[in-house]
């Protein structure tokens, strides 16, 4: 989510965006993010946190990487919408996984810890994204960060399970 704001000056020049063009790109992200939230909660309840979170981050990663392939303002509207829609699965899936792992009296702390983790991206993104864009090109910033999401999906798939199914968790 941070990348487009960080690279706005570069992308404005390359695509000759007006302020209205940029506003439309942000608009489609926000509209689809809201829609993603509405649908993701039910989806995660149906398939569970492991599958739901994995699918959401997989789709988010593909949408993020697709930014590096688009060649038009319309393309940015489409991939931003896809990014927003898939990102809408993050909080419902994270909250579901917290509910699976933590007793009710500890869920507020676990939720606060999880939400505080979402501030890490805006803290580290400028250094990484701008370094990638300056060292390579703007496309690389989107592709590398999306690829990191795919690595996360693989780790999530192999490491996460409900406590009652987890091989390294005993009944005690």
Foldseek 3Di string as FASTA:
>chain_A
DVLCVLCVVVVCVQAVDDVVLVVLLVVLLVVLLVVLLVPLLVVCVVPHLLVSVLVLLLQLLVLLLCVLVDDHSVSSSVSSNSNSNSVSNPPSSQLRLLPLADDPVCSVVVVVVVVVVVVVCVVCVNVVQVCCCVVPRNSRSSNVVSVVSVVVSVCSNVQDDRLVPHPPHDPD
